[in-house]
């Protein structure tokens, strides 16, 4: 067990080295190492419970959370988080942050998404959160073998003696030392999230103007109309839109379908969303708790993902049409 704790500390130490460089590439490495340390300890919490159950099996008592434990012993990260809320002292707030950050780790590692404006700040925040939580983990014992060797980086935190290099407090003290060393500023994390949200909203604002202005004279519409047009056009070519129209008894051509969907489909956004989004960004910037700020940011990104993609696609199509007309006028 001592070697396990030392290995976790080694990963955290290396993670901080990368994160401290402040650039996006090192932030990715640091985030992955931090998240892996979290997953290792969450899995160990489940394994510890199995050992406890075996130790007291003579009582013949049924463990009330056996189903949750069985799932936590598998590969599913969310199941490990849920079980840590039962047996590992993980709060709802920390659980939500860890889940969100694990999602970023997967996007960075598996999907190649960069999140460049926010990832360095979030990697530092996640590291701070991780050190604070993992430092509360209490191992059931400190087994050590004479043929075992401490990882080189872990020697800074486990310095008892050659025969038995660690004590029960060394892991928590190491986590605390790493947390202090990272020097995370919660307000900086909140500001970075708010800045990115402002940038996204500003880009969407510009795109709506482009759509509303139209390509040809006479195509101009209101910003509310531009938002509805964007949703209706995309919906008209989707399975959802066609099924909705069919089930409602609609018949007609594609252009008529777009107009019909504008009026009859229960669109999530029936007017210009920018003022509401700007208010959300202002509220996020005013937060003092980075956990809440991250939750609000993630909620905004998830709830607006489809409409933002639709608006960007419509604006890009309009700009391509405009560029084509300009080239045609120039004789190209």
C-alpha atoms as a PDB file:
ATOM      1  CA  UNK A   1       0.000   0.000   0.000  1.00  0.00           C
ATOM      2  CA  UNK A   2       2.864   2.376   0.720  1.00  0.00           C
ATOM      3  CA  UNK A   3       4.151   1.902  -2.820  1.00  0.00           C
ATOM      4  CA  UNK A   4       0.650   2.652  -4.153  1.00  0.00           C
ATOM      5  CA  UNK A   5       0.510   5.934  -2.222  1.00  0.00           C
ATOM      6  CA  UNK A   6       4.016   6.825  -3.349  1.00  0.00           C
ATOM      7  CA  UNK A   7       3.048   6.168  -6.980  1.00  0.00           C
ATOM      8  CA  UNK A   8       0.051   8.480  -6.673  1.00  0.00           C
ATOM      9  CA  UNK A   9       2.228  11.215  -5.167  1.00  0.00           C
ATOM     10  CA  UNK A  10       4.741  10.714  -7.968  1.00  0.00           C
ATOM     11  CA  UNK A  11       2.023  11.292 -10.580  1.00  0.00           C
ATOM     12  CA  UNK A  12       0.824  14.418  -8.798  1.00  0.00           C
ATOM     13  CA  UNK A  13       4.348  15.770  -8.540  1.00  0.00           C
ATOM     14  CA  UNK A  14       4.886  15.245 -12.256  1.00  0.00           C
ATOM     15  CA  UNK A  15       1.465  16.709 -13.033  1.00  0.00           C
ATOM     16  CA  UNK A  16       2.342  19.908 -11.164  1.00  0.00           C
ATOM     17  CA  UNK A  17       5.629  20.200 -13.067  1.00  0.00           C
ATOM     18  CA  UNK A  18       3.698  20.202 -16.350  1.00  0.00           C
ATOM     19  CA  UNK A  19       0.818  22.404 -15.195  1.00  0.00           C
ATOM     20  CA  UNK A  20       3.179  25.013 -13.755  1.00  0.00           C
ATOM     21  CA  UNK A  21       4.607  25.692 -17.201  1.00  0.00           C
ATOM     22  CA  UNK A  22       1.301  27.381 -18.042  1.00  0.00           C
ATOM     23  CA  UNK A  23       0.997  26.388 -21.706  1.00  0.00           C
ATOM     24  CA  UNK A  24      -1.725  24.325 -23.337  1.00  0.00           C
ATOM     25  CA  UNK A  25       0.445  21.309 -24.203  1.00  0.00           C
ATOM     26  CA  UNK A  26       1.756  20.855 -20.672  1.00  0.00           C
ATOM     27  CA  UNK A  27      -1.730  21.520 -19.297  1.00  0.00           C
ATOM     28  CA  UNK A  28      -2.972  18.490 -21.259  1.00  0.00           C
ATOM     29  CA  UNK A  29      -0.298  16.244 -19.766  1.00  0.00           C
ATOM     30  CA  UNK A  30      -0.909  17.620 -16.292  1.00  0.00           C
ATOM     31  CA  UNK A  31      -4.660  17.133 -16.593  1.00  0.00           C
ATOM     32  CA  UNK A  32      -4.271  13.508 -17.673  1.00  0.00           C
ATOM     33  CA  UNK A  33      -1.872  12.712 -14.834  1.00  0.00           C
ATOM     34  CA  UNK A  34      -4.110  14.418 -12.284  1.00  0.00           C
ATOM     35  CA  UNK A  35      -7.199  12.609 -13.494  1.00  0.00           C
ATOM     36  CA  UNK A  36      -5.388   9.271 -13.444  1.00  0.00           C
ATOM     37  CA  UNK A  37      -4.359   9.866  -9.815  1.00  0.00           C
ATOM     38  CA  UNK A  38      -7.999  10.561  -8.956  1.00  0.00           C
ATOM     39  CA  UNK A  39      -9.183   7.388 -10.661  1.00  0.00           C
ATOM     40  CA  UNK A  40      -6.565   5.262  -8.923  1.00  0.00           C
ATOM     41  CA  UNK A  41      -7.631   6.440  -5.479  1.00  0.00           C
ATOM     42  CA  UNK A  42     -11.355   6.177  -6.267  1.00  0.00           C
ATOM     43  CA  UNK A  43     -10.782   2.584  -7.338  1.00  0.00           C
ATOM     44  CA  UNK A  44      -8.773   1.924  -4.203  1.00  0.00           C
ATOM     45  CA  UNK A  45     -11.645   3.192  -2.057  1.00  0.00           C
ATOM     46  CA  UNK A  46     -13.818   0.465  -3.584  1.00  0.00           C
ATOM     47  CA  UNK A  47     -11.108  -2.162  -3.070  1.00  0.00           C
ATOM     48  CA  UNK A  48     -10.732  -1.089   0.559  1.00  0.00           C
ATOM     49  CA  UNK A  49     -14.425  -1.689   1.095  1.00  0.00           C
ATOM     50  CA  UNK A  50     -14.135  -5.182  -0.338  1.00  0.00           C
ATOM     51  CA  UNK A  51     -11.352  -5.895   2.168  1.00  0.00           C
ATOM     52  CA  UNK A  52     -13.501  -4.549   5.006  1.00  0.00           C
ATOM     53  CA  UNK A  53     -16.415  -6.762   4.015  1.00  0.00           C
ATOM     54  CA  UNK A  54     -14.177  -9.838   3.885  1.00  0.00           C
ATOM     55  CA  UNK A  55     -12.626  -8.988   7.251  1.00  0.00           C
ATOM     56  CA  UNK A  56     -16.021  -8.813   8.936  1.00  0.00           C
ATOM     57  CA  UNK A  57     -17.701 -11.557   6.931  1.00  0.00           C
ATOM     58  CA  UNK A  58     -18.204 -13.531  10.155  1.00  0.00           C
ATOM     59  CA  UNK A  59     -20.981 -11.079  11.024  1.00  0.00           C
ATOM     60  CA  UNK A  60     -22.952 -12.340   8.011  1.00  0.00           C
ATOM     61  CA  UNK A  61     -24.341  -8.853   7.414  1.00  0.00           C
ATOM     62  CA  UNK A  62     -25.392  -7.849   3.913  1.00  0.00           C
ATOM     63  CA  UNK A  63     -23.682  -4.683   2.709  1.00  0.00           C
ATOM     64  CA  UNK A  64     -26.476  -2.261   1.695  1.00  0.00           C
ATOM     65  CA  UNK A  65     -24.505  -0.711  -1.185  1.00  0.00           C
ATOM     66  CA  UNK A  66     -23.227  -3.912  -2.768  1.00  0.00           C
ATOM     67  CA  UNK A  67     -24.573  -3.043  -6.224  1.00  0.00           C
ATOM     68  CA  UNK A  68     -22.816   0.330  -6.176  1.00  0.00           C
ATOM     69  CA  UNK A  69     -19.620  -1.350  -4.973  1.00  0.00           C
ATOM     70  CA  UNK A  70     -19.710  -3.946  -7.746  1.00  0.00           C
ATOM     71  CA  UNK A  71     -20.041  -1.191 -10.361  1.00  0.00           C
ATOM     72  CA  UNK A  72     -17.235   0.844  -8.775  1.00  0.00           C
ATOM     73  CA  UNK A  73     -14.872  -2.122  -9.142  1.00  0.00           C
ATOM     74  CA  UNK A  74     -15.388  -2.046 -12.901  1.00  0.00           C
ATOM     75  CA  UNK A  75     -14.117   0.400 -15.502  1.00  0.00           C
ATOM     76  CA  UNK A  76     -16.854   3.026 -15.294  1.00  0.00           C
ATOM     77  CA  UNK A  77     -15.525   6.274 -13.836  1.00  0.00           C
ATOM     78  CA  UNK A  78     -18.935   7.646 -12.854  1.00  0.00           C
ATOM     79  CA  UNK A  79     -19.600   4.495 -10.808  1.00  0.00           C
ATOM     80  CA  UNK A  80     -16.381   5.071  -8.884  1.00  0.00           C
ATOM     81  CA  UNK A  81     -17.380   8.676  -8.200  1.00  0.00           C
ATOM     82  CA  UNK A  82     -20.815   7.594  -6.970  1.00  0.00           C
ATOM     83  CA  UNK A  83     -19.319   5.028  -4.635  1.00  0.00           C
ATOM     84  CA  UNK A  84     -16.813   7.550  -3.270  1.00  0.00           C
ATOM     85  CA  UNK A  85     -19.798   9.679  -2.294  1.00  0.00           C
ATOM     86  CA  UNK A  86     -21.021   6.702  -0.244  1.00  0.00           C
ATOM     87  CA  UNK A  87     -17.767   5.543   1.343  1.00  0.00           C
ATOM     88  CA  UNK A  88     -15.054   8.050   0.456  1.00  0.00           C
ATOM     89  CA  UNK A  89     -16.357  11.304   1.902  1.00  0.00           C
ATOM     90  CA  UNK A  90     -16.769  12.856  -1.550  1.00  0.00           C
ATOM     91  CA  UNK A  91     -19.200  15.780  -1.484  1.00  0.00           C
ATOM     92  CA  UNK A  92     -21.731  16.464  -4.221  1.00  0.00           C
ATOM     93  CA  UNK A  93     -19.837  19.617  -5.196  1.00  0.00           C
ATOM     94  CA  UNK A  94     -16.497  17.837  -5.512  1.00  0.00           C
ATOM     95  CA  UNK A  95     -18.115  14.919  -7.307  1.00  0.00           C
ATOM     96  CA  UNK A  96     -19.601  17.238  -9.917  1.00  0.00           C
ATOM     97  CA  UNK A  97     -16.291  19.028 -10.493  1.00  0.00           C
ATOM     98  CA  UNK A  98     -14.364  15.760 -10.771  1.00  0.00           C
ATOM     99  CA  UNK A  99     -16.932  14.404 -13.237  1.00  0.00           C
ATOM    100  CA  UNK A 100     -16.761  17.543 -15.386  1.00  0.00           C
ATOM    101  CA  UNK A 101     -12.972  17.540 -15.401  1.00  0.00           C
ATOM    102  CA  UNK A 102     -12.844  13.833 -16.240  1.00  0.00           C
ATOM    103  CA  UNK A 103     -14.997  14.735 -19.236  1.00  0.00           C
ATOM    104  CA  UNK A 104     -12.451  17.351 -20.314  1.00  0.00           C
ATOM    105  CA  UNK A 105      -9.683  14.790 -19.895  1.00  0.00           C
ATOM    106  CA  UNK A 106     -11.537  12.389 -22.211  1.00  0.00           C
ATOM    107  CA  UNK A 107     -12.134  15.104 -24.798  1.00  0.00           C
ATOM    108  CA  UNK A 108      -8.485  16.127 -24.753  1.00  0.00           C
ATOM    109  CA  UNK A 109      -7.176  12.567 -24.863  1.00  0.00           C
ATOM    110  CA  UNK A 110      -9.710  10.728 -27.025  1.00  0.00           C
ATOM    111  CA  UNK A 111     -11.292  13.423 -29.211  1.00  0.00           C
ATOM    112  CA  UNK A 112      -8.355  15.762 -29.657  1.00  0.00           C
ATOM    113  CA  UNK A 113     -10.304  18.810 -28.488  1.00  0.00           C
ATOM    114  CA  UNK A 114      -8.000  21.532 -27.242  1.00  0.00           C
ATOM    115  CA  UNK A 115      -9.999  23.921 -25.040  1.00  0.00           C
ATOM    116  CA  UNK A 116      -6.978  26.206 -25.359  1.00  0.00           C
ATOM    117  CA  UNK A 117      -8.383  29.347 -23.666  1.00  0.00           C
ATOM    118  CA  UNK A 118      -9.459  27.549 -20.486  1.00  0.00           C
ATOM    119  CA  UNK A 119      -7.464  24.331 -20.137  1.00  0.00           C
ATOM    120  CA  UNK A 120      -4.353  25.721 -18.357  1.00  0.00           C
ATOM    121  CA  UNK A 121      -6.535  27.360 -15.700  1.00  0.00           C
ATOM    122  CA  UNK A 122      -8.814  24.336 -15.349  1.00  0.00           C
ATOM    123  CA  UNK A 123      -5.862  21.941 -15.084  1.00  0.00           C
ATOM    124  CA  UNK A 124      -4.546  23.994 -12.164  1.00  0.00           C
ATOM    125  CA  UNK A 125      -7.975  24.117 -10.539  1.00  0.00           C
ATOM    126  CA  UNK A 126      -8.422  20.354 -10.926  1.00  0.00           C
ATOM    127  CA  UNK A 127      -4.985  19.765  -9.447  1.00  0.00           C
ATOM    128  CA  UNK A 128      -5.864  21.876  -6.405  1.00  0.00           C
ATOM    129  CA  UNK A 129      -9.175  20.055  -5.974  1.00  0.00           C
ATOM    130  CA  UNK A 130      -7.503  16.672  -6.377  1.00  0.00           C
ATOM    131  CA  UNK A 131      -4.796  17.323  -3.804  1.00  0.00           C
ATOM    132  CA  UNK A 132      -7.380  18.578  -1.313  1.00  0.00           C
ATOM    133  CA  UNK A 133      -9.573  15.513  -1.716  1.00  0.00           C
ATOM    134  CA  UNK A 134      -6.906  12.814  -2.038  1.00  0.00           C
ATOM    135  CA  UNK A 135      -5.241  14.182   1.064  1.00  0.00           C
ATOM    136  CA  UNK A 136      -8.258  12.989   3.043  1.00  0.00           C
ATOM    137  CA  UNK A 137      -7.750   9.372   1.958  1.00  0.00           C
ATOM    138  CA  UNK A 138      -6.698   7.102   4.818  1.00  0.00           C
ATOM    139  CA  UNK A 139      -5.131   3.792   3.867  1.00  0.00           C
ATOM    140  CA  UNK A 140      -5.974   0.658   5.833  1.00  0.00           C
ATOM    141  CA  UNK A 141      -2.275  -0.137   6.267  1.00  0.00           C
ATOM    142  CA  UNK A 142       1.251   0.596   5.020  1.00  0.00           C
ATOM    143  CA  UNK A 143       2.601  -2.675   3.727  1.00  0.00           C
ATOM    144  CA  UNK A 144       6.183  -2.569   2.460  1.00  0.00           C
ATOM    145  CA  UNK A 145       8.515  -5.198   1.073  1.00  0.00           C
ATOM    146  CA  UNK A 146      12.292  -5.273   1.302  1.00  0.00           C
ATOM    147  CA  UNK A 147      12.543  -5.631  -2.480  1.00  0.00           C
ATOM    148  CA  UNK A 148      10.381  -2.571  -3.157  1.00  0.00           C
ATOM    149  CA  UNK A 149      11.769   0.819  -4.129  1.00  0.00           C
ATOM    150  CA  UNK A 150      10.183   4.247  -3.880  1.00  0.00           C
ATOM    151  CA  UNK A 151       9.668   6.164  -7.127  1.00  0.00           C
ATOM    152  CA  UNK A 152      12.318   8.873  -7.364  1.00  0.00           C
ATOM    153  CA  UNK A 153       9.928  11.809  -7.130  1.00  0.00           C
ATOM    154  CA  UNK A 154       8.116  10.287  -4.149  1.00  0.00           C
ATOM    155  CA  UNK A 155      11.297  10.398  -2.069  1.00  0.00           C
ATOM    156  CA  UNK A 156      10.627  14.084  -1.449  1.00  0.00           C
ATOM    157  CA  UNK A 157       7.481  13.153   0.462  1.00  0.00           C
ATOM    158  CA  UNK A 158       8.359   9.778   2.058  1.00  0.00           C
ATOM    159  CA  UNK A 159      11.634  10.198   3.964  1.00  0.00           C
ATOM    160  CA  UNK A 160      11.506   7.968   7.029  1.00  0.00           C
ATOM    161  CA  UNK A 161      14.297   5.419   6.532  1.00  0.00           C
ATOM    162  CA  UNK A 162      15.552   2.832   4.051  1.00  0.00           C
ATOM    163  CA  UNK A 163      13.770  -0.108   5.638  1.00  0.00           C
ATOM    164  CA  UNK A 164      10.372   1.556   6.015  1.00  0.00           C
ATOM    165  CA  UNK A 165      10.307   4.919   4.198  1.00  0.00           C
ATOM    166  CA  UNK A 166       6.813   6.171   4.992  1.00  0.00           C
ATOM    167  CA  UNK A 167       4.327   6.873   7.749  1.00  0.00           C
ATOM    168  CA  UNK A 168       0.553   7.260   7.825  1.00  0.00           C
ATOM    169  CA  UNK A 169       0.670  11.061   7.516  1.00  0.00           C
ATOM    170  CA  UNK A 170       3.191  11.286   4.693  1.00  0.00           C
ATOM    171  CA  UNK A 171       0.641  10.900   1.918  1.00  0.00           C
ATOM    172  CA  UNK A 172      -1.736  13.559   3.257  1.00  0.00           C
ATOM    173  CA  UNK A 173       1.176  15.873   4.038  1.00  0.00           C
ATOM    174  CA  UNK A 174       2.500  15.367   0.532  1.00  0.00           C
ATOM    175  CA  UNK A 175      -0.879  16.230  -0.982  1.00  0.00           C
ATOM    176  CA  UNK A 176      -1.047  19.359   1.153  1.00  0.00           C
ATOM    177  CA  UNK A 177       2.479  20.400   0.145  1.00  0.00           C
ATOM    178  CA  UNK A 178       1.629  19.953  -3.532  1.00  0.00           C
ATOM    179  CA  UNK A 179      -1.578  21.896  -3.112  1.00  0.00           C
ATOM    180  CA  UNK A 180       0.263  24.823  -1.569  1.00  0.00           C
ATOM    181  CA  UNK A 181       2.903  24.663  -4.285  1.00  0.00           C
ATOM    182  CA  UNK A 182       0.324  24.959  -7.073  1.00  0.00           C
ATOM    183  CA  UNK A 183      -0.887  28.271  -5.589  1.00  0.00           C
ATOM    184  CA  UNK A 184      -4.280  28.099  -7.249  1.00  0.00           C
ATOM    185  CA  UNK A 185      -6.274  31.340  -7.367  1.00  0.00           C
ATOM    186  CA  UNK A 186     -10.043  30.618  -7.506  1.00  0.00           C
ATOM    187  CA  UNK A 187     -10.857  34.081  -8.851  1.00  0.00           C
ATOM    188  CA  UNK A 188      -8.460  33.578 -11.761  1.00  0.00           C
ATOM    189  CA  UNK A 189     -10.237  30.357 -12.740  1.00  0.00           C
ATOM    190  CA  UNK A 190     -13.607  32.112 -12.596  1.00  0.00           C
ATOM    191  CA  UNK A 191     -12.315  35.036 -14.679  1.00  0.00           C
ATOM    192  CA  UNK A 192     -10.927  32.683 -17.367  1.00  0.00           C
ATOM    193  CA  UNK A 193     -14.268  30.884 -17.651  1.00  0.00           C
ATOM    194  CA  UNK A 194     -16.154  34.173 -17.824  1.00  0.00           C
ATOM    195  CA  UNK A 195     -13.758  35.551 -20.465  1.00  0.00           C
ATOM    196  CA  UNK A 196     -14.251  32.473 -22.631  1.00  0.00           C
ATOM    197  CA  UNK A 197     -18.014  32.652 -22.231  1.00  0.00           C
ATOM    198  CA  UNK A 198     -17.948  36.334 -23.239  1.00  0.00           C
ATOM    199  CA  UNK A 199     -15.865  35.476 -26.306  1.00  0.00           C
ATOM    200  CA  UNK A 200     -18.256  32.733 -27.370  1.00  0.00           C
ATOM    201  CA  UNK A 201     -21.270  35.004 -26.941  1.00  0.00           C
ATOM    202  CA  UNK A 202     -19.588  37.820 -28.890  1.00  0.00           C
ATOM    203  CA  UNK A 203     -18.895  35.444 -31.776  1.00  0.00           C
ATOM    204  CA  UNK A 204     -22.506  34.266 -31.748  1.00  0.00           C
ATOM    205  CA  UNK A 205     -23.691  37.878 -31.694  1.00  0.00           C
ATOM    206  CA  UNK A 206     -21.702  38.612 -34.856  1.00  0.00           C
ATOM    207  CA  UNK A 207     -23.014  35.465 -36.557  1.00  0.00           C
ATOM    208  CA  UNK A 208     -26.639  36.417 -35.849  1.00  0.00           C
ATOM    209  CA  UNK A 209     -26.038  39.831 -37.420  1.00  0.00           C
ATOM    210  CA  UNK A 210     -24.644  38.159 -40.550  1.00  0.00           C
ATOM    211  CA  UNK A 211     -27.691  35.883 -40.834  1.00  0.00           C
ATOM    212  CA  UNK A 212     -30.140  38.731 -40.193  1.00  0.00           C
ATOM    213  CA  UNK A 213     -28.528  40.946 -42.856  1.00  0.00           C
ATOM    214  CA  UNK A 214     -29.143  38.251 -45.477  1.00  0.00           C
ATOM    215  CA  UNK A 215     -27.281  37.683 -48.730  1.00  0.00           C
ATOM    216  CA  UNK A 216     -29.561  39.385 -51.260  1.00  0.00           C
ATOM    217  CA  UNK A 217     -31.497  42.594 -50.959  1.00  0.00           C
ATOM    218  CA  UNK A 218     -34.926  41.860 -49.545  1.00  0.00           C
ATOM    219  CA  UNK A 219     -33.692  38.883 -47.519  1.00  0.00           C
ATOM    220  CA  UNK A 220     -33.089  40.956 -44.406  1.00  0.00           C
ATOM    221  CA  UNK A 221     -34.826  39.810 -41.248  1.00  0.00           C
ATOM    222  CA  UNK A 222     -34.839  40.563 -37.540  1.00  0.00           C
ATOM    223  CA  UNK A 223     -32.392  38.938 -35.173  1.00  0.00           C
ATOM    224  CA  UNK A 224     -35.304  36.984 -33.678  1.00  0.00           C
ATOM    225  CA  UNK A 225     -36.205  35.848 -37.182  1.00  0.00           C
ATOM    226  CA  UNK A 226     -32.599  34.888 -37.891  1.00  0.00           C
ATOM    227  CA  UNK A 227     -32.514  32.642 -34.811  1.00  0.00           C
ATOM    228  CA  UNK A 228     -35.781  30.939 -35.784  1.00  0.00           C
ATOM    229  CA  UNK A 229     -34.694  30.552 -39.434  1.00  0.00           C
ATOM    230  CA  UNK A 230     -31.460  28.925 -38.367  1.00  0.00           C
ATOM    231  CA  UNK A 231     -33.193  26.349 -36.185  1.00  0.00           C
ATOM    232  CA  UNK A 232     -35.957  25.639 -38.687  1.00  0.00           C
ATOM    233  CA  UNK A 233     -33.620  25.074 -41.649  1.00  0.00           C
ATOM    234  CA  UNK A 234     -31.485  22.625 -39.721  1.00  0.00           C
ATOM    235  CA  UNK A 235     -34.543  20.882 -38.308  1.00  0.00           C
ATOM    236  CA  UNK A 236     -36.119  20.509 -41.753  1.00  0.00           C
ATOM    237  CA  UNK A 237     -33.264  18.230 -42.840  1.00  0.00           C
ATOM    238  CA  UNK A 238     -33.221  16.205 -39.635  1.00  0.00           C
ATOM    239  CA  UNK A 239     -35.059  13.022 -38.706  1.00  0.00           C
ATOM    240  CA  UNK A 240     -36.574  14.792 -35.703  1.00  0.00           C
ATOM    241  CA  UNK A 241     -38.027  17.589 -37.810  1.00  0.00           C
ATOM    242  CA  UNK A 242     -39.432  15.312 -40.498  1.00  0.00           C
ATOM    243  CA  UNK A 243     -41.019  12.984 -37.937  1.00  0.00           C
ATOM    244  CA  UNK A 244     -42.558  15.923 -36.079  1.00  0.00           C
ATOM    245  CA  UNK A 245     -44.056  17.280 -39.298  1.00  0.00           C
ATOM    246  CA  UNK A 246     -45.319  13.868 -40.431  1.00  0.00           C
ATOM    247  CA  UNK A 247     -46.896  13.109 -37.058  1.00  0.00           C
ATOM    248  CA  UNK A 248     -48.582  16.524 -37.142  1.00  0.00           C
ATOM    249  CA  UNK A 249     -50.156  15.812 -40.518  1.00  0.00           C
ATOM    250  CA  UNK A 250     -48.055  18.270 -42.504  1.00  0.00           C
ATOM    251  CA  UNK A 251     -47.744  17.946 -46.312  1.00  0.00           C
ATOM    252  CA  UNK A 252     -45.821  20.237 -48.619  1.00  0.00           C
ATOM    253  CA  UNK A 253     -42.402  20.999 -50.108  1.00  0.00           C
ATOM    254  CA  UNK A 254     -39.138  21.770 -48.315  1.00  0.00           C
ATOM    255  CA  UNK A 255     -39.483  25.545 -48.316  1.00  0.00           C
ATOM    256  CA  UNK A 256     -42.981  25.261 -46.905  1.00  0.00           C
ATOM    257  CA  UNK A 257     -41.666  22.834 -44.287  1.00  0.00           C
ATOM    258  CA  UNK A 258     -39.115  25.376 -43.065  1.00  0.00           C
ATOM    259  CA  UNK A 259     -41.795  28.030 -42.660  1.00  0.00           C
ATOM    260  CA  UNK A 260     -44.147  25.565 -41.014  1.00  0.00           C
ATOM    261  CA  UNK A 261     -41.487  24.442 -38.530  1.00  0.00           C
ATOM    262  CA  UNK A 262     -40.684  28.055 -37.641  1.00  0.00           C
ATOM    263  CA  UNK A 263     -44.238  28.490 -36.463  1.00  0.00           C
ATOM    264  CA  UNK A 264     -45.220  25.095 -35.137  1.00  0.00           C
ATOM    265  CA  UNK A 265     -42.142  23.395 -33.679  1.00  0.00           C
ATOM    266  CA  UNK A 266     -41.455  24.049 -29.953  1.00  0.00           C
ATOM    267  CA  UNK A 267     -38.059  25.660 -30.531  1.00  0.00           C
ATOM    268  CA  UNK A 268     -35.846  26.077 -27.494  1.00  0.00           C
ATOM    269  CA  UNK A 269     -34.914  29.586 -28.648  1.00  0.00           C
ATOM    270  CA  UNK A 270     -37.729  31.646 -30.166  1.00  0.00           C
ATOM    271  CA  UNK A 271     -35.921  34.979 -29.929  1.00  0.00           C
ATOM    272  CA  UNK A 272     -32.435  36.465 -29.843  1.00  0.00           C
ATOM    273  CA  UNK A 273     -30.645  34.645 -26.980  1.00  0.00           C
ATOM    274  CA  UNK A 274     -27.708  37.047 -26.689  1.00  0.00           C
ATOM    275  CA  UNK A 275     -29.120  39.315 -23.924  1.00  0.00           C
ATOM    276  CA  UNK A 276     -29.923  36.269 -21.776  1.00  0.00           C
ATOM    277  CA  UNK A 277     -26.514  34.744 -22.440  1.00  0.00           C
ATOM    278  CA  UNK A 278     -24.755  37.979 -21.557  1.00  0.00           C
ATOM    279  CA  UNK A 279     -26.637  38.071 -18.257  1.00  0.00           C
ATOM    280  CA  UNK A 280     -25.534  34.488 -17.556  1.00  0.00           C
ATOM    281  CA  UNK A 281     -21.916  35.419 -18.270  1.00  0.00           C
ATOM    282  CA  UNK A 282     -22.144  38.400 -15.917  1.00  0.00           C
ATOM    283  CA  UNK A 283     -23.549  36.214 -13.152  1.00  0.00           C
ATOM    284  CA  UNK A 284     -20.785  33.672 -13.687  1.00  0.00           C
ATOM    285  CA  UNK A 285     -18.126  36.388 -13.447  1.00  0.00           C
ATOM    286  CA  UNK A 286     -19.575  37.496 -10.118  1.00  0.00           C
ATOM    287  CA  UNK A 287     -19.239  34.031  -8.566  1.00  0.00           C
ATOM    288  CA  UNK A 288     -16.759  33.435  -5.749  1.00  0.00           C
ATOM    289  CA  UNK A 289     -16.839  29.639  -5.814  1.00  0.00           C
ATOM    290  CA  UNK A 290     -14.951  28.100  -8.779  1.00  0.00           C
ATOM    291  CA  UNK A 291     -16.942  24.846  -8.455  1.00  0.00           C
ATOM    292  CA  UNK A 292     -20.186  26.730  -9.061  1.00  0.00           C
ATOM    293  CA  UNK A 293     -18.602  28.793 -11.843  1.00  0.00           C
ATOM    294  CA  UNK A 294     -17.404  25.638 -13.624  1.00  0.00           C
ATOM    295  CA  UNK A 295     -20.823  24.039 -13.225  1.00  0.00           C
ATOM    296  CA  UNK A 296     -22.536  27.137 -14.666  1.00  0.00           C
ATOM    297  CA  UNK A 297     -20.066  27.333 -17.558  1.00  0.00           C
ATOM    298  CA  UNK A 298     -20.491  23.657 -18.387  1.00  0.00           C
ATOM    299  CA  UNK A 299     -24.278  23.935 -18.181  1.00  0.00           C
ATOM    300  CA  UNK A 300     -24.240  26.900 -20.580  1.00  0.00           C
ATOM    301  CA  UNK A 301     -21.986  25.096 -23.047  1.00  0.00           C
ATOM    302  CA  UNK A 302     -24.096  21.922 -23.011  1.00  0.00           C
ATOM    303  CA  UNK A 303     -27.488  23.643 -23.223  1.00  0.00           C
ATOM    304  CA  UNK A 304     -26.461  25.944 -26.092  1.00  0.00           C
ATOM    305  CA  UNK A 305     -24.300  23.543 -28.082  1.00  0.00           C
ATOM    306  CA  UNK A 306     -26.858  22.791 -30.806  1.00  0.00           C
ATOM    307  CA  UNK A 307     -28.032  26.363 -31.343  1.00  0.00           C
ATOM    308  CA  UNK A 308     -24.476  27.713 -31.385  1.00  0.00           C
ATOM    309  CA  UNK A 309     -23.445  25.165 -33.979  1.00  0.00           C
ATOM    310  CA  UNK A 310     -26.522  25.992 -36.088  1.00  0.00           C
ATOM    311  CA  UNK A 311     -25.872  29.735 -35.924  1.00  0.00           C
ATOM    312  CA  UNK A 312     -22.206  29.309 -36.883  1.00  0.00           C
ATOM    313  CA  UNK A 313     -23.112  27.048 -39.816  1.00  0.00           C
ATOM    314  CA  UNK A 314     -25.763  29.470 -41.110  1.00  0.00           C
ATOM    315  CA  UNK A 315     -23.444  32.455 -40.806  1.00  0.00           C
ATOM    316  CA  UNK A 316     -20.657  30.576 -42.595  1.00  0.00           C
ATOM    317  CA  UNK A 317     -23.037  29.606 -45.416  1.00  0.00           C
ATOM    318  CA  UNK A 318     -24.140  33.234 -45.797  1.00  0.00           C
ATOM    319  CA  UNK A 319     -20.544  34.447 -45.926  1.00  0.00           C
ATOM    320  CA  UNK A 320     -19.652  31.843 -48.560  1.00  0.00           C
ATOM    321  CA  UNK A 321     -22.583  33.009 -50.682  1.00  0.00           C
ATOM    322  CA  UNK A 322     -21.531  36.627 -50.287  1.00  0.00           C
ATOM    323  CA  UNK A 323     -17.933  35.813 -51.247  1.00  0.00           C
ATOM    324  CA  UNK A 324     -19.206  33.964 -54.335  1.00  0.00           C
ATOM    325  CA  UNK A 325     -21.275  36.988 -55.416  1.00  0.00           C
ATOM    326  CA  UNK A 326     -18.299  39.298 -54.918  1.00  0.00           C
ATOM    327  CA  UNK A 327     -16.072  37.026 -57.015  1.00  0.00           C
ATOM    328  CA  UNK A 328     -18.739  36.848 -59.710  1.00  0.00           C
ATOM    329  CA  UNK A 329     -19.025  40.647 -59.776  1.00  0.00           C
ATOM    330  CA  UNK A 330     -15.254  40.864 -60.223  1.00  0.00           C
ATOM    331  CA  UNK A 331     -15.434  38.454 -63.131  1.00  0.00           C
ATOM    332  CA  UNK A 332     -13.706  35.613 -61.360  1.00  0.00           C
END
